[in-house]
Protein backbone atom coordinates (compact mmCIF):
# COMPACT_ATOMS: atom_id res chain seq x y z
CA MET A 1 68.75 7.37 -4.91
CA ASP A 2 67.23 7.08 -1.45
CA ASP A 3 65.17 10.24 -2.02
CA THR A 4 63.91 8.86 -5.34
CA LEU A 5 62.94 5.59 -3.66
CA LYS A 6 61.12 7.48 -0.92
CA LEU A 7 59.20 9.52 -3.48
CA LEU A 8 58.25 6.40 -5.41
CA THR A 9 57.16 4.64 -2.23
CA ALA A 10 55.10 7.67 -1.14
CA ALA A 11 53.48 7.86 -4.58
CA ALA A 12 52.65 4.14 -4.50
CA VAL A 13 51.16 4.45 -1.01
CA ALA A 14 49.12 7.49 -2.07
CA LEU A 15 47.88 5.60 -5.13
CA LEU A 16 46.85 2.60 -3.03
CA VAL A 17 45.10 4.83 -0.50
CA GLY A 18 43.29 6.64 -3.31
CA LEU A 19 42.18 3.35 -4.85
CA ALA A 20 40.98 2.09 -1.47
CA VAL A 21 39.04 5.28 -0.79
CA GLY A 22 37.56 5.21 -4.28
CA TRP A 23 36.51 1.57 -3.86
CA ALA A 24 34.98 2.33 -0.45
CA VAL A 25 33.04 5.30 -1.83
CA ARG A 26 31.81 3.28 -4.78
CA ALA A 27 30.81 0.35 -2.54
CA ALA A 28 28.93 2.73 -0.24
CA ALA A 29 27.13 4.26 -3.21
CA VAL A 30 26.14 0.80 -4.49
CA ARG A 31 24.86 -0.18 -1.03
CA HIS A 32 22.90 3.06 -0.76
CA LYS A 33 21.34 2.54 -4.19
CA HIS A 34 20.44 -1.05 -3.31
CA SER A 35 18.92 -0.01 0.03
CA ARG A 36 16.91 2.75 -1.64
CA GLU A 37 15.62 0.28 -4.22
CA GLN A 38 14.62 -2.20 -1.51
CA ALA A 39 12.81 0.56 0.39
CA PHE A 40 11.05 1.82 -2.74
CA PHE A 41 9.70 -1.63 -3.58
CA GLY A 42 9.13 -2.57 0.06
CA LEU A 43 11.32 -5.63 -0.46
CA PRO A 44 13.94 -6.02 2.28
CA ALA A 45 16.09 -9.13 1.99
CA GLY A 46 14.15 -12.26 2.88
CA SER A 47 10.74 -10.60 2.55
CA GLU A 48 7.79 -11.95 0.56
CA CYS A 49 5.74 -10.36 -2.21
CA VAL A 50 2.79 -11.41 -4.34
CA LEU A 51 2.23 -10.94 -8.06
CA VAL A 52 -1.46 -10.99 -8.96
CA THR A 53 -2.46 -11.57 -12.56
CA HIS A 54 -5.13 -12.90 -14.90
CA ARG A 55 -5.88 -16.53 -15.55
CA ASP A 56 -5.41 -17.78 -19.09
CA SER A 57 -9.01 -18.50 -20.15
CA SER A 58 -7.82 -20.67 -23.06
CA SER A 59 -6.15 -23.15 -20.71
CA ALA A 60 -7.87 -25.90 -18.74
CA HIS A 61 -5.33 -25.43 -15.93
CA TRP A 62 -4.20 -22.40 -13.93
CA SER A 63 -1.77 -20.56 -16.15
CA ILE A 64 -0.84 -16.97 -16.94
CA PRO A 65 -1.58 -15.28 -20.28
CA ARG A 66 1.62 -14.73 -22.25
CA PRO A 67 1.62 -10.88 -22.15
CA ASP A 68 1.18 -10.89 -18.38
CA ALA A 69 3.84 -13.60 -17.98
CA LEU A 70 6.29 -11.39 -19.88
CA ALA A 71 5.34 -8.44 -17.67
CA LEU A 72 6.00 -10.49 -14.53
CA LEU A 73 9.35 -11.64 -15.92
CA GLY A 74 10.29 -7.99 -16.07
CA LEU A 75 9.80 -7.80 -12.31
CA ALA A 76 11.67 -11.02 -11.57
CA GLY A 77 15.11 -9.43 -11.80
CA VAL A 78 14.16 -6.63 -9.42
CA ILE A 79 12.66 -9.03 -6.88
CA GLU A 80 15.72 -11.30 -7.04
CA SER A 81 18.08 -8.33 -6.71
CA CYS A 82 16.27 -7.22 -3.56
CA GLY A 83 16.56 -10.73 -2.12
CA ALA A 84 12.79 -11.19 -1.82
CA HIS A 85 10.62 -14.24 -2.45
CA PRO A 86 7.68 -13.96 -4.90
CA GLU A 87 4.35 -15.76 -5.01
CA VAL A 88 2.17 -15.69 -8.12
CA ALA A 89 -1.60 -15.71 -7.55
CA PRO A 90 -4.63 -15.51 -9.86
CA HIS A 91 -6.81 -12.43 -9.52
CA ASP A 92 -9.93 -14.35 -8.47
CA THR A 93 -8.35 -16.22 -5.58
CA GLY A 94 -9.14 -14.93 -2.11
CA LEU A 95 -6.05 -13.10 -0.85
CA GLN A 96 -5.35 -11.26 2.37
CA GLY A 97 -5.65 -7.50 2.57
CA PHE A 98 -2.83 -5.29 1.43
CA GLY A 99 0.03 -3.72 3.32
CA ALA A 100 1.45 -6.85 4.95
CA ARG A 101 3.61 -7.63 1.92
CA THR A 102 4.43 -5.88 -1.32
CA GLU A 103 1.95 -6.58 -4.09
CA PHE A 104 2.29 -6.19 -7.85
CA CYS A 105 -1.17 -6.22 -9.42
CA VAL A 106 -1.12 -6.38 -13.21
CA GLY A 107 -3.96 -6.56 -15.71
CA ASP A 108 -7.14 -5.23 -17.27
CA PRO A 109 -9.34 -3.67 -14.55
CA THR A 110 -12.53 -4.62 -16.41
CA ALA A 111 -11.67 -8.32 -15.99
CA HIS A 112 -9.21 -8.43 -13.07
CA ARG A 113 -11.19 -8.58 -9.82
CA ARG A 114 -8.47 -7.60 -7.37
CA LEU A 115 -7.21 -4.81 -9.59
CA ALA A 116 -10.76 -3.45 -9.91
CA ALA A 117 -11.10 -3.55 -6.13
CA HIS A 118 -7.82 -1.66 -5.68
CA LEU A 119 -8.92 1.01 -8.15
CA ALA A 120 -12.24 1.46 -6.36
CA ASN A 121 -10.64 1.69 -2.91
CA LEU A 122 -7.33 3.40 -3.59
CA LEU A 123 -7.96 5.38 -6.80
CA PRO A 124 -11.59 6.56 -6.48
CA GLY A 125 -10.99 9.34 -9.00
CA VAL A 126 -10.47 6.81 -11.81
CA ALA A 127 -13.46 5.44 -13.71
CA VAL A 128 -13.01 2.54 -16.11
CA HIS A 129 -15.82 2.06 -18.63
CA PRO A 130 -16.95 -1.58 -18.90
CA GLY A 131 -18.18 -1.05 -22.47
CA ASP A 132 -21.63 -1.36 -23.95
CA GLU A 133 -23.31 -4.56 -25.14
CA SER A 134 -21.16 -4.60 -28.26
CA GLY A 135 -17.98 -4.00 -26.24
CA ALA A 136 -17.51 -0.50 -27.61
CA GLY A 137 -15.76 1.84 -25.20
CA ARG A 138 -14.47 -0.94 -22.98
CA GLY A 139 -11.48 0.11 -20.93
CA THR A 140 -11.95 3.86 -21.47
CA PHE A 141 -10.44 5.81 -18.57
CA THR A 142 -12.01 8.91 -17.09
CA ILE A 143 -9.70 10.82 -14.75
CA GLY A 144 -10.30 14.32 -13.47
CA GLY A 145 -13.00 14.90 -16.07
CA SER A 146 -10.77 13.87 -18.99
CA THR A 147 -11.51 10.77 -21.05
CA TYR A 148 -8.85 8.50 -22.53
CA ARG A 149 -10.12 6.08 -25.16
CA VAL A 150 -8.23 3.16 -26.59
CA GLU A 151 -7.33 3.02 -30.27
CA PRO A 152 -6.14 -0.60 -30.57
CA GLY A 153 -2.63 -0.84 -31.95
CA ALA A 154 -2.29 2.94 -32.22
CA VAL A 155 -2.90 4.66 -28.88
CA GLU A 156 -3.46 2.75 -25.65
CA TYR A 157 -3.33 3.94 -22.06
CA VAL A 158 -2.19 2.37 -18.81
CA LEU A 159 -2.03 3.52 -15.21
CA LEU A 160 1.13 2.85 -13.23
CA ALA A 161 0.69 3.45 -9.51
CA ARG A 162 2.51 2.96 -6.24
CA LEU A 163 0.14 3.19 -3.29
CA ARG A 164 0.24 2.58 0.44
CA ALA A 165 -2.73 1.45 2.48
CA GLY A 166 -3.87 -1.28 4.81
CA GLU A 167 -2.47 -2.30 8.18
CA GLY A 168 1.13 -2.89 7.07
CA ASP A 169 3.67 -0.59 5.52
CA ARG A 170 4.37 -2.40 2.25
CA PRO A 171 3.28 -0.76 -1.02
CA VAL A 172 0.99 -2.07 -3.73
CA PHE A 173 2.02 -1.46 -7.34
CA LEU A 174 -0.71 -1.33 -9.98
CA ALA A 175 -0.34 -1.69 -13.74
CA ALA A 176 -3.88 -1.22 -15.02
CA GLY A 177 -4.08 -1.12 -18.79
CA GLN A 178 -6.54 -1.04 -21.63
CA ARG A 179 -4.92 -3.92 -23.53
CA PRO A 180 -2.43 -6.68 -22.58
CA VAL A 181 0.50 -4.96 -24.29
CA THR A 182 0.05 -1.96 -21.99
CA HIS A 183 0.55 -4.03 -18.83
CA ARG A 184 3.99 -5.05 -20.03
CA ALA A 185 4.77 -1.50 -21.11
CA ALA A 186 3.92 -0.17 -17.63
CA VAL A 187 6.07 -2.77 -15.88
CA ASN A 188 8.96 -2.06 -18.26
CA HIS A 189 8.61 1.65 -17.48
CA LEU A 190 8.67 0.94 -13.75
CA VAL A 191 11.76 -1.27 -14.00
CA ARG A 192 13.67 1.06 -16.32
CA ASN A 193 12.91 4.17 -14.26
CA ARG A 194 12.97 2.68 -10.76
CA ALA A 195 16.04 4.66 -9.65
CA ARG A 196 14.53 7.97 -10.73
CA LEU A 197 11.14 7.13 -9.24
CA ALA A 198 12.78 6.06 -5.97
CA ARG A 199 14.71 9.34 -5.77
CA LYS A 200 11.61 11.38 -6.51
CA HIS A 201 9.04 9.60 -4.33
CA GLY A 202 11.13 7.86 -1.68
CA ALA A 203 10.05 4.97 0.49
CA GLU A 204 6.86 6.64 1.70
CA GLY A 205 5.64 8.36 -1.45
CA GLN A 206 2.63 7.51 -3.57
CA PHE A 207 2.08 8.22 -7.25
CA CYS A 208 -0.23 7.43 -10.12
CA LEU A 209 1.11 7.99 -13.63
CA LEU A 210 -0.89 7.90 -16.84
CA LEU A 211 1.21 6.41 -19.63
CA LYS A 212 0.47 6.19 -23.34
CA VAL A 213 1.69 3.28 -25.44
CA VAL A 214 2.24 4.49 -28.99
CA ASN A 215 1.81 2.32 -32.08
CA SER A 216 2.06 -1.02 -30.30
CA GLN A 217 1.15 -2.72 -33.57
CA ALA A 218 4.60 -1.78 -34.84
CA TYR A 219 6.66 -1.29 -31.68
CA GLY A 220 5.02 -3.54 -29.11
CA PRO A 221 5.43 -2.24 -25.53
CA ASP A 222 8.62 -0.28 -26.22
CA VAL A 223 7.39 3.23 -27.10
CA VAL A 224 5.84 4.76 -24.00
CA GLU A 225 5.07 8.39 -23.24
CA LEU A 226 4.24 9.92 -19.88
CA VAL A 227 0.92 11.72 -20.34
CA ALA A 228 0.63 13.12 -16.82
CA ASP A 229 1.11 12.53 -13.13
CA VAL A 230 -2.55 12.11 -12.18
CA SER A 231 -1.93 11.26 -8.52
CA LYS A 232 -4.11 14.03 -7.08
CA ALA A 233 -7.05 13.50 -9.45
CA ALA A 234 -6.87 9.71 -9.20
CA THR A 235 -6.84 9.60 -5.40
CA THR A 236 -9.67 12.12 -5.04
CA ALA A 237 -13.22 10.87 -5.46
CA ALA A 238 -14.71 12.36 -8.60
CA GLU A 239 -17.65 14.72 -8.29
CA PRO A 240 -20.63 14.23 -10.60
CA LYS A 241 -20.14 16.49 -13.59
CA GLY A 242 -19.89 16.45 -17.35
CA HIS A 243 -16.83 14.86 -18.84
CA ARG A 244 -14.63 16.40 -21.45
CA ALA A 245 -12.70 14.39 -23.99
CA ALA A 246 -8.93 14.38 -23.81
CA ALA A 247 -7.14 16.25 -26.54
């Protein structure tokens, strides 16, 4: 009877030790994942970030267009999880340079001043067509000699980038799309794939992804395809040459 009791006691102790070790390992893994996410977004606990978006031209007061508001809501959970404090600012308000705090810049680069400035300075290999007098061709991307034209409601493109520049060490995230639905699609892609992107690029890495939003007329921002990682072409100033249309 004593031997049986000893065996049961030893088994119970071993079970408790195993549970404790398992809990400790799991807690360490959660902490590591959280720390990696904070480093990827440049959002340590207590830090500040800025979300820069369009003004709603239909409103007499400063407000955010609905598609961009929904895109920013997608980031809210990540920012809160990291323990950071966000500020929302319109694109045409004078802001400090970049690098001092994480920035999320979302919008149409043909109308978003700060986003256009970031593209010119940080992604010199990307050209965004302003459109002709009738508006035809507006928002067309040219990257590395390939042209990506919008087909409203059917095929629309957006650039999702994480870049580092300026005097500080905080990243700037860009979601530069051809139509409002693409901005939300890019942010959703970033949020859904943040763990994979953090593993791949780390806290110091930069990337620029070209995404395609498929049939937004039917599916909204939910069907997104990765066209290519265009980081090298986008960050290299384009040389004057003929452009070829994308297949």
